[in-house]
Protein backbone atom coordinates (compact mmCIF):
# COMPACT_ATOMS: atom_id res chain seq x y z
CA MET A 1 12.69 40.15 -45.33
CA ALA A 2 9.95 38.25 -48.19
CA ARG A 3 6.64 39.81 -47.81
CA ILE A 4 3.68 37.13 -47.04
CA PRO A 5 0.54 37.67 -49.09
CA GLY A 6 -2.50 38.23 -46.56
CA VAL A 7 -5.81 38.65 -46.46
CA PHE A 8 -6.82 42.56 -45.67
CA ARG A 9 -9.38 44.39 -44.02
CA GLY A 10 -9.57 47.80 -43.39
CA GLY A 11 -5.75 47.94 -43.86
CA MET A 12 -4.78 45.45 -41.87
CA ALA A 13 -3.41 41.99 -42.84
CA LEU A 14 -5.63 39.34 -40.86
CA MET A 15 -4.02 36.08 -41.24
CA PRO A 16 -1.31 34.96 -44.68
CA SER A 17 -3.76 33.16 -47.73
CA VAL A 18 -3.79 29.92 -48.11
CA GLU A 19 -4.47 27.94 -51.36
CA ALA A 20 -7.77 25.67 -50.90
CA ARG A 21 -6.81 22.05 -51.50
CA LEU A 22 -6.67 18.31 -51.28
CA PHE A 23 -3.35 15.92 -50.93
CA HIS A 24 -3.90 13.63 -54.10
CA GLY A 25 -6.04 10.31 -53.45
CA THR A 26 -7.91 11.79 -50.42
CA ARG A 27 -10.87 13.82 -50.89
CA ASP A 28 -13.92 15.74 -49.40
CA VAL A 29 -17.09 13.56 -49.02
CA LEU A 30 -20.75 16.01 -50.02
CA PRO A 31 -24.16 15.41 -48.68
CA ALA A 32 -24.95 13.20 -51.39
CA GLU A 33 -22.73 10.81 -51.37
CA LEU A 34 -22.69 10.51 -47.41
CA LEU A 35 -26.21 10.13 -46.82
CA PRO A 36 -26.36 6.96 -48.76
CA GLN A 37 -23.06 6.08 -47.06
CA LYS A 38 -24.25 6.19 -43.77
CA GLU A 39 -27.23 4.39 -44.87
CA LEU A 40 -25.22 1.64 -46.09
CA VAL A 41 -23.03 1.49 -42.94
CA ALA A 42 -26.45 0.71 -41.28
CA THR A 43 -27.44 -2.05 -43.66
CA LEU A 44 -24.14 -3.75 -43.09
CA THR A 45 -23.84 -3.34 -39.44
CA ARG A 46 -27.40 -5.01 -39.26
CA THR A 47 -25.64 -8.23 -41.75
CA PHE A 48 -22.59 -7.92 -39.16
CA GLU A 49 -24.84 -8.24 -35.81
CA ALA A 50 -27.15 -11.17 -37.50
CA PHE A 51 -24.37 -12.82 -37.54
CA GLY A 52 -23.28 -12.41 -33.88
CA PHE A 53 -20.51 -9.91 -34.69
CA ALA A 54 -19.72 -6.66 -32.34
CA PRO A 55 -18.58 -3.95 -32.46
CA VAL A 56 -14.84 -2.52 -31.69
CA GLU A 57 -12.84 0.62 -32.47
CA THR A 58 -9.19 1.39 -32.31
CA PRO A 59 -7.07 4.29 -32.44
CA ALA A 60 -5.84 5.78 -36.20
CA MET A 61 -2.33 5.75 -35.01
CA GLU A 62 -0.44 2.68 -33.90
CA PHE A 63 3.61 2.64 -33.16
CA VAL A 64 5.69 1.69 -36.37
CA ASP A 65 7.11 -1.58 -34.74
CA ILE A 66 2.95 -2.84 -34.70
CA LEU A 67 2.77 -2.53 -38.29
CA LEU A 68 6.14 -3.57 -39.93
CA GLY A 69 7.19 -7.33 -40.47
CA LYS A 70 2.87 -8.17 -40.96
CA TYR A 71 1.96 -7.09 -44.57
CA GLY A 72 4.53 -7.96 -46.72
CA ALA A 73 7.52 -5.59 -48.97
CA ASP A 74 5.20 -4.09 -50.78
CA GLY A 75 2.75 -3.28 -48.24
CA GLU A 76 5.22 -1.75 -46.52
CA LYS A 77 5.85 0.52 -48.76
CA LEU A 78 2.43 2.07 -48.62
CA ILE A 79 2.14 2.54 -44.69
CA TYR A 80 2.06 6.32 -43.79
CA LYS A 81 4.71 6.78 -40.61
CA LEU A 82 3.84 9.90 -38.91
CA ALA A 83 6.73 13.31 -38.23
CA TYR A 84 6.03 12.35 -34.77
CA GLU A 85 10.05 11.78 -33.39
CA ASP A 86 11.38 11.42 -37.21
CA GLY A 87 8.99 9.37 -38.43
CA HIS A 88 10.00 6.38 -36.13
CA THR A 89 7.52 5.91 -33.45
CA LEU A 90 3.99 6.39 -35.33
CA ALA A 91 1.92 5.53 -38.19
CA LEU A 92 -1.26 5.67 -39.73
CA ARG A 93 -2.98 2.39 -39.44
CA TYR A 94 -2.71 0.19 -42.75
CA ASP A 95 -5.16 -2.03 -42.36
CA LEU A 96 -7.76 -2.76 -39.48
CA THR A 97 -6.55 -6.59 -39.04
CA VAL A 98 -3.35 -5.93 -37.34
CA PRO A 99 -4.71 -3.46 -34.67
CA LEU A 100 -7.48 -6.01 -33.97
CA SER A 101 -4.31 -8.84 -33.26
CA ARG A 102 -2.90 -6.07 -30.89
CA LEU A 103 -6.25 -4.97 -29.19
CA VAL A 104 -6.62 -9.27 -28.58
CA ALA A 105 -3.06 -9.17 -27.30
CA MET A 106 -3.62 -6.54 -24.68
CA HIS A 107 -6.90 -7.74 -23.28
CA PRO A 108 -6.65 -11.78 -22.98
CA GLU A 109 -9.75 -11.55 -20.80
CA LEU A 110 -12.01 -11.47 -23.90
CA PRO A 111 -13.75 -14.22 -24.44
CA LYS A 112 -12.93 -16.61 -27.02
CA PRO A 113 -13.73 -17.02 -29.83
CA PHE A 114 -14.34 -13.70 -30.12
CA LYS A 115 -16.01 -11.97 -32.92
CA ARG A 116 -15.96 -8.05 -34.03
CA TYR A 117 -16.52 -6.04 -36.50
CA GLN A 118 -15.17 -2.50 -37.46
CA ILE A 119 -15.78 0.16 -39.66
CA GLN A 120 -13.11 2.73 -39.61
CA PRO A 121 -10.93 4.51 -42.04
CA VAL A 122 -7.37 3.57 -42.83
CA TRP A 123 -4.77 5.00 -45.13
CA ARG A 124 -2.55 3.78 -47.78
CA ALA A 125 0.28 5.79 -50.15
CA ASP A 126 -1.42 3.81 -52.84
CA ARG A 127 -1.80 4.99 -56.37
CA ALA A 128 -5.25 6.47 -56.39
CA GLN A 129 -7.84 5.42 -59.10
CA PRO A 130 -10.92 7.70 -58.28
CA ALA A 131 -12.88 5.97 -61.35
CA GLN A 132 -12.61 2.31 -59.08
CA GLY A 133 -13.28 4.22 -55.45
CA ARG A 134 -9.40 3.40 -54.75
CA PHE A 135 -8.26 6.34 -52.70
CA ARG A 136 -5.42 6.96 -50.26
CA GLU A 137 -7.85 7.04 -47.04
CA PHE A 138 -10.72 5.05 -47.18
CA ILE A 139 -13.39 3.26 -44.89
CA GLN A 140 -12.61 -0.94 -44.72
CA CYS A 141 -16.04 -2.48 -42.84
CA ASP A 142 -14.47 -5.61 -41.55
CA VAL A 143 -15.72 -8.71 -39.65
CA ASP A 144 -13.51 -11.13 -37.84
CA THR A 145 -13.59 -14.32 -35.81
CA VAL A 146 -10.72 -14.77 -33.63
CA GLY A 147 -10.34 -17.84 -31.53
CA THR A 148 -10.96 -20.97 -33.32
CA SER A 149 -9.70 -23.11 -36.14
CA SER A 150 -13.21 -24.26 -37.52
CA LEU A 151 -13.72 -24.22 -40.93
CA VAL A 152 -17.15 -22.70 -40.35
CA ALA A 153 -15.72 -19.57 -39.14
CA ASP A 154 -14.43 -19.53 -43.01
CA ALA A 155 -17.31 -20.21 -44.26
CA GLU A 156 -19.42 -17.32 -42.25
CA ASN A 157 -16.95 -14.98 -43.30
CA LEU A 158 -17.93 -15.68 -46.96
CA ALA A 159 -21.97 -15.87 -45.44
CA VAL A 160 -21.63 -12.10 -44.24
CA VAL A 161 -20.06 -10.45 -47.00
CA HIS A 162 -22.45 -12.71 -49.26
CA ALA A 163 -25.62 -10.88 -47.18
CA GLY A 164 -23.91 -7.88 -46.85
CA ILE A 165 -23.22 -7.03 -50.42
CA LEU A 166 -26.31 -8.40 -51.59
CA ALA A 167 -28.22 -6.06 -48.93
CA SER A 168 -26.07 -3.09 -50.68
CA GLY A 169 -28.19 -3.54 -53.68
CA MET A 170 -25.39 -4.92 -55.76
CA GLU A 171 -26.71 -8.45 -57.62
CA GLY A 172 -23.60 -9.30 -60.16
CA PHE A 173 -20.94 -10.41 -57.92
CA LEU A 174 -18.42 -13.29 -57.28
CA ILE A 175 -16.60 -14.87 -54.02
CA LYS A 176 -13.36 -16.27 -55.31
CA VAL A 177 -11.70 -18.37 -53.28
CA ASN A 178 -8.15 -20.22 -52.78
CA HIS A 179 -5.97 -21.59 -49.90
CA ARG A 180 -2.09 -20.30 -49.55
CA LYS A 181 -1.44 -24.28 -48.40
CA LEU A 182 -2.59 -25.21 -51.58
CA LEU A 183 -0.88 -22.28 -53.18
CA ARG A 184 2.29 -24.01 -51.51
CA GLY A 185 1.69 -27.30 -52.92
CA MET A 186 1.55 -25.64 -56.59
CA ILE A 187 4.66 -23.92 -55.99
CA ALA A 188 6.13 -27.05 -54.54
CA HIS A 189 4.64 -29.05 -58.10
CA ALA A 190 6.89 -26.22 -59.98
CA GLY A 191 9.65 -27.73 -58.77
CA LEU A 192 10.36 -24.83 -56.69
CA PRO A 193 11.82 -24.53 -52.75
CA ALA A 194 9.96 -23.23 -50.00
CA THR A 195 12.12 -20.13 -49.54
CA ALA A 196 10.09 -19.15 -52.94
CA ASP A 197 6.74 -18.27 -51.56
CA LYS A 198 6.90 -15.23 -50.95
CA GLU A 199 8.65 -13.77 -53.69
CA VAL A 200 6.42 -15.89 -56.48
CA LEU A 201 3.11 -14.98 -54.05
CA ARG A 202 4.12 -11.37 -54.52
CA VAL A 203 4.24 -11.68 -58.25
CA VAL A 204 1.48 -13.93 -59.16
CA ASP A 205 -0.71 -10.89 -57.05
CA LYS A 206 -0.09 -8.61 -59.35
CA LEU A 207 -1.99 -10.81 -61.60
CA ASP A 208 -5.46 -8.79 -61.98
CA LYS A 209 -3.33 -5.38 -62.50
CA ILE A 210 -0.71 -6.16 -65.12
CA GLY A 211 -2.29 -9.45 -66.92
CA LEU A 212 -0.57 -12.48 -67.44
CA ASP A 213 2.42 -11.70 -69.18
CA GLU A 214 3.83 -8.83 -67.29
CA VAL A 215 3.27 -11.77 -64.19
CA VAL A 216 5.19 -14.51 -66.67
CA ALA A 217 7.97 -11.74 -67.47
CA GLU A 218 8.26 -10.94 -63.89
CA LEU A 219 8.72 -14.53 -62.75
CA SER A 220 11.77 -15.00 -65.52
CA LYS A 221 12.87 -11.58 -63.85
CA ILE A 222 13.06 -13.16 -60.42
CA GLY A 223 14.70 -16.71 -61.20
CA VAL A 224 11.60 -19.04 -62.21
CA ASP A 225 12.57 -21.29 -65.10
CA ALA A 226 10.66 -21.85 -67.89
CA ALA A 227 9.19 -25.26 -66.86
CA ALA A 228 8.07 -24.06 -63.39
CA ILE A 229 5.99 -21.08 -65.33
CA ASP A 230 4.38 -23.35 -67.07
CA LYS A 231 3.63 -25.53 -64.66
CA LEU A 232 1.56 -22.56 -62.53
CA VAL A 233 0.32 -21.08 -65.39
CA GLY A 234 -1.66 -24.38 -66.44
CA LEU A 235 -2.71 -24.59 -62.80
CA MET A 236 -3.94 -21.23 -62.28
CA ASN A 237 -5.78 -21.31 -66.01
CA ILE A 238 -7.97 -24.20 -64.51
CA THR A 239 -11.70 -23.46 -64.32
CA GLY A 240 -15.26 -24.22 -63.95
CA THR A 241 -17.37 -25.07 -61.15
CA PRO A 242 -15.54 -25.15 -57.71
CA ASP A 243 -16.41 -28.89 -57.48
CA ALA A 244 -14.34 -29.31 -60.99
CA VAL A 245 -11.86 -27.13 -60.27
CA LEU A 246 -11.28 -29.06 -56.72
CA ALA A 247 -11.19 -32.33 -58.64
CA SER A 248 -8.36 -31.17 -61.14
CA ALA A 249 -6.28 -29.57 -58.93
CA ILE A 250 -6.34 -32.79 -56.18
CA GLU A 251 -6.08 -34.99 -59.96
CA ARG A 252 -2.46 -33.15 -60.31
CA LEU A 253 -1.46 -31.79 -57.29
CA GLY A 254 -2.25 -35.00 -55.58
CA ALA A 255 1.22 -35.81 -54.36
CA GLU A 256 1.92 -32.47 -52.40
CA PRO A 257 0.92 -32.85 -49.03
CA ALA A 258 0.34 -29.14 -48.25
CA ALA A 259 -2.20 -29.20 -51.66
CA VAL A 260 -3.90 -32.23 -50.01
CA GLU A 261 -4.24 -30.60 -47.02
CA GLY A 262 -5.52 -27.09 -48.44
CA LEU A 263 -7.63 -28.77 -51.05
CA ALA A 264 -9.53 -30.63 -47.93
CA ASP A 265 -10.51 -27.62 -46.29
CA LEU A 266 -11.77 -25.68 -49.48
CA ARG A 267 -13.84 -28.11 -49.92
CA ALA A 268 -15.27 -28.40 -46.27
CA MET A 269 -15.29 -24.32 -46.28
CA LEU A 270 -17.58 -24.35 -49.43
CA GLY A 271 -20.07 -26.72 -48.44
CA HIS A 272 -20.64 -24.44 -45.03
CA ALA A 273 -20.93 -22.35 -47.04
CA ARG A 274 -23.56 -23.35 -49.27
CA ALA A 275 -25.37 -24.64 -45.84
CA LEU A 276 -25.23 -20.76 -44.89
CA GLY A 277 -27.52 -20.03 -48.27
CA VAL A 278 -24.56 -18.52 -50.50
CA PRO A 279 -25.31 -19.72 -53.86
CA GLU A 280 -23.38 -22.34 -55.91
CA ALA A 281 -23.39 -19.40 -58.69
CA ARG A 282 -21.31 -17.21 -56.54
CA LEU A 283 -18.62 -19.55 -55.93
CA ARG A 284 -15.39 -19.85 -57.95
CA VAL A 285 -12.43 -21.29 -56.63
CA ASP A 286 -9.48 -19.22 -58.49
CA LEU A 287 -5.79 -21.08 -58.34
CA SER A 288 -4.78 -17.90 -59.16
CA LEU A 289 -5.76 -16.00 -56.10
CA THR A 290 -2.66 -15.00 -53.40
CA ARG A 291 -4.07 -12.13 -51.28
CA GLY A 292 -0.63 -10.68 -51.49
CA LEU A 293 -0.21 -10.31 -46.99
CA ASP A 294 1.87 -12.12 -45.88
CA TYR A 295 0.08 -12.61 -42.89
CA TYR A 296 -2.26 -15.23 -44.16
CA THR A 297 -2.21 -18.94 -43.41
CA GLY A 298 -4.99 -20.41 -44.61
CA PRO A 299 -8.46 -20.55 -46.76
CA VAL A 300 -8.45 -16.71 -48.53
CA TYR A 301 -10.95 -15.06 -50.66
CA GLU A 302 -11.79 -12.07 -52.37
CA ILE A 303 -15.21 -10.39 -53.75
CA VAL A 304 -15.54 -9.13 -57.48
CA THR A 305 -18.11 -7.41 -59.20
CA THR A 306 -19.56 -8.73 -62.51
CA GLU A 307 -20.99 -6.01 -63.68
CA ILE A 308 -18.13 -3.57 -64.35
CA GLU A 309 -15.17 -4.43 -66.60
CA ARG A 310 -11.91 -4.11 -64.43
CA PHE A 311 -12.99 -2.70 -61.54
CA GLY A 312 -10.90 -4.59 -58.90
CA SER A 313 -12.21 -6.42 -55.68
CA LEU A 314 -14.86 -5.19 -53.29
CA GLY A 315 -13.31 -6.67 -50.37
CA GLY A 316 -11.72 -9.83 -49.64
CA GLY A 317 -9.54 -11.40 -46.55
CA GLY A 318 -8.80 -15.02 -45.23
CA ARG A 319 -7.17 -16.87 -42.21
CA TYR A 320 -4.05 -15.64 -40.36
CA ASP A 321 -3.45 -18.18 -37.83
CA ASP A 322 -0.03 -17.20 -36.86
CA LEU A 323 -0.64 -12.91 -36.69
CA MET A 324 -1.25 -13.13 -32.93
CA SER A 325 2.07 -14.64 -32.38
CA LEU A 326 3.90 -11.60 -33.36
CA PHE A 327 3.22 -9.91 -30.28
CA GLY A 328 5.03 -12.27 -28.04
CA GLY A 329 2.31 -14.59 -27.15
CA GLU A 330 1.14 -17.83 -28.60
CA PRO A 331 -0.38 -18.43 -31.83
CA VAL A 332 -4.10 -18.24 -31.89
CA PRO A 333 -6.40 -19.13 -34.71
CA ALA A 334 -8.19 -16.19 -36.54
CA THR A 335 -9.84 -15.63 -39.69
CA GLY A 336 -11.61 -12.53 -41.30
CA VAL A 337 -13.27 -10.26 -44.40
CA SER A 338 -13.40 -6.76 -45.18
CA ILE A 339 -16.04 -4.76 -47.54
CA GLY A 340 -14.25 -2.01 -49.02
CA LEU A 341 -16.87 0.92 -48.13
CA THR A 342 -15.60 3.55 -50.53
CA ARG A 343 -15.13 0.62 -53.20
CA LEU A 344 -18.88 -0.60 -52.85
CA LEU A 345 -20.08 2.65 -52.92
CA THR A 346 -18.00 3.86 -55.72
CA ALA A 347 -19.77 0.39 -58.00
CA LEU A 348 -23.19 1.07 -57.11
CA VAL A 349 -23.24 4.57 -58.26
CA LYS A 350 -21.92 3.65 -61.57
CA LEU A 351 -24.58 1.07 -61.73
CA GLY A 352 -27.32 3.60 -61.17
CA LYS A 353 -28.52 1.96 -57.95
CA LEU A 354 -27.45 4.60 -56.11
CA LYS A 355 -30.33 7.61 -55.61
CA ALA A 356 -28.18 10.54 -54.91
CA ARG A 357 -30.04 13.23 -52.08
CA GLU A 358 -28.28 16.04 -51.09
CA SER A 359 -30.63 16.07 -47.71
CA ALA A 360 -31.95 13.84 -44.87
CA THR A 361 -34.45 16.60 -44.92
CA ASP A 362 -38.32 15.08 -45.34
CA VAL A 363 -40.35 17.71 -44.85
CA LEU A 364 -39.47 21.96 -45.33
CA ILE A 365 -41.69 24.44 -43.80
CA SER A 366 -41.71 27.23 -45.84
CA ARG A 367 -42.46 31.03 -45.19
CA PHE A 368 -44.19 34.38 -46.38
CA PRO A 369 -43.56 37.46 -45.13
CA ASP A 370 -46.73 37.34 -42.93
CA THR A 371 -45.83 34.09 -41.53
CA PRO A 372 -46.32 33.44 -37.77
CA VAL A 373 -42.55 32.52 -37.13
CA ASP A 374 -42.95 31.24 -33.36
CA ALA A 375 -46.53 29.73 -34.79
CA ALA A 376 -44.58 27.95 -38.29
CA LEU A 377 -41.70 26.49 -35.82
CA ALA A 378 -43.90 25.19 -33.17
CA CYS A 379 -45.26 23.01 -36.32
CA ALA A 380 -42.33 21.86 -36.82
CA ALA A 381 -41.36 20.85 -33.87
CA THR A 382 -44.65 18.86 -33.58
CA LEU A 383 -43.38 17.21 -37.10
CA ARG A 384 -39.87 16.37 -35.68
CA ASP A 385 -41.42 14.71 -32.51
CA GLN A 386 -43.63 12.23 -34.81
CA GLY A 387 -40.86 11.06 -36.76
CA PHE A 388 -40.01 13.67 -39.33
CA ALA A 389 -36.84 15.11 -40.28
CA VAL A 390 -38.13 19.07 -40.74
CA GLU A 391 -36.01 21.88 -42.04
CA TRP A 392 -37.17 25.73 -41.69
CA TYR A 393 -36.73 28.32 -44.69
CA TYR A 394 -35.20 31.29 -42.85
CA GLU A 395 -35.67 33.57 -45.32
CA ALA A 396 -39.09 34.61 -46.82
CA ASP A 397 -38.57 34.62 -50.12
CA ARG A 398 -40.86 33.64 -53.62
CA LEU A 399 -42.67 30.28 -52.89
CA LYS A 400 -41.24 29.14 -55.98
CA LYS A 401 -37.77 29.53 -54.78
CA GLN A 402 -38.07 27.63 -51.81
CA PHE A 403 -39.32 24.97 -53.96
CA GLN A 404 -36.83 24.71 -55.82
CA TYR A 405 -34.53 24.86 -52.82
CA ALA A 406 -36.48 21.76 -51.39
CA GLU A 407 -36.12 19.96 -55.10
CA ARG A 408 -33.00 20.62 -55.55
CA LYS A 409 -31.84 19.13 -52.07
CA GLY A 410 -34.21 15.94 -52.83
CA ILE A 411 -37.08 17.10 -49.82
CA PRO A 412 -39.90 15.26 -50.76
CA PHE A 413 -42.41 17.44 -48.93
CA VAL A 414 -43.18 20.88 -48.65
CA VAL A 415 -45.48 22.84 -46.17
CA ILE A 416 -46.60 26.19 -47.16
CA LEU A 417 -47.86 28.19 -43.85
CA GLY A 418 -49.11 31.82 -43.80
CA ALA A 419 -51.16 33.58 -41.61
CA SER A 420 -54.38 32.60 -42.81
CA GLU A 421 -53.25 28.86 -42.71
CA ILE A 422 -52.14 29.43 -39.22
CA GLU A 423 -55.22 31.06 -38.01
CA ARG A 424 -57.14 28.13 -39.39
CA GLY A 425 -55.23 25.67 -37.82
CA GLU A 426 -54.35 24.36 -41.41
CA ALA A 427 -51.60 23.81 -43.84
CA ALA A 428 -50.88 23.25 -47.38
CA VAL A 429 -48.72 20.56 -48.34
CA LYS A 430 -46.91 19.79 -51.26
CA HIS A 431 -45.81 16.20 -52.65
CA LEU A 432 -42.67 17.24 -55.08
CA ALA A 433 -42.42 13.72 -56.88
CA THR A 434 -46.07 13.79 -57.67
CA GLY A 435 -47.16 17.79 -57.67
CA GLU A 436 -50.07 17.06 -55.72
CA GLN A 437 -50.80 19.65 -53.10
CA VAL A 438 -53.57 19.55 -50.35
CA THR A 439 -54.96 21.91 -47.88
CA MET A 440 -55.51 20.40 -44.44
CA THR A 441 -55.94 20.56 -40.95
CA ARG A 442 -52.32 20.42 -39.04
CA ASP A 443 -53.30 17.35 -37.52
CA ALA A 444 -53.35 15.16 -40.51
CA VAL A 445 -50.23 16.59 -42.32
CA ALA A 446 -48.21 13.41 -40.23
CA GLY A 447 -50.88 11.10 -41.71
CA TRP A 448 -50.82 12.26 -44.69
CA MET A 449 -46.99 12.57 -45.44
CA ARG A 450 -46.02 8.87 -44.41
CA ALA A 451 -48.82 6.81 -46.23
CA ARG A 452 -46.85 9.29 -49.67
CA LEU A 453 -43.27 9.32 -47.76
CA THR A 454 -40.52 6.27 -49.56
CA PRO A 455 -38.33 4.63 -47.33
CA LYS A 456 -34.93 6.07 -47.82
CA ALA A 457 -33.01 3.62 -49.76
């Protein structure tokens, strides 16, 4: 029998030795990143709720047939099927939109329109790109409105992501928009049948990843002739202000009913978005934007940073009016948008807009060998009651080492309590950022620190 390496203590094997490792494309998130992440989630939550969205959560796993047939061939390759019953029963959720559609189908009693936000992880067997914040497990922040065809709901999607990303500290970003009906009109204008839509859009969706030359080559491989490719590329290359792009597109595509309808929708949606406070300078009509998932039926949008080259999108979404019908009911109009939390955090770190901090603690209570422990702990409890996050230094170590500990973790204040301070009802307080140190009555400590405490970013 093969010998299993193990951990030994006193001549006895306790357990097999296991190499500490992570599955490729996943990661541990340490306090220095998780603390800013929690604050960003709080910022986005306030933004979502300001627009009337309410929270929901769905399970990490769904039945496989719930997920299949919704994302297109390329998307379905990325679904993580679970080994339970040979991988034919359960899978990890790929996004938050399909689970929402399943939830609504199971809860017909929900008021319509139903406005929800959801902040949870999703899983995709995609190529990990850590430098761009692309992992196989990541957190999406979705808002969706189910039960209305109003283009105001789509405009609200643009407004809520604009407000959320701006509140995060990101300033250089654009919201690109297009319309699936406009894309259908473009494909018809190129002389291609409606049956070619999915395959053509699947290739065009790769534009940012593989570049125009490779897109042209792939279109040729799937049988699109050179004349049709030239027409498509000519349309995709139209640039300018939103109104200029729309005017140019209607001039070329006015004979295509689907394109005319899509252009009218975009014009109305953009007008609503401006009324909701989205600046014209942040809006772009991009006729190459497809949003590759099969379930989109109307306006589509994507958010990109202008401050980092080739970073990819910060989020996106669109209208998906037919998705609910795949669960056996009537079509229910719906629209939504998602912010990739991990992507946004990675971008903010690259831009130096997030300050790493190892701890949420405001105050460290230091101690000397002669410090009366219970009296000092009572001081810690009092400061917590006054709204501070307080940490106790467990060992009676050198004061310099205790200061170094606080500095490393980003704790702004150290309260110094020895036996003499306790006896006099005093405390010495040091503000590490400035080096200022003052001895005062313990009753005055909270006010002194609060006047110097920088709000957490």
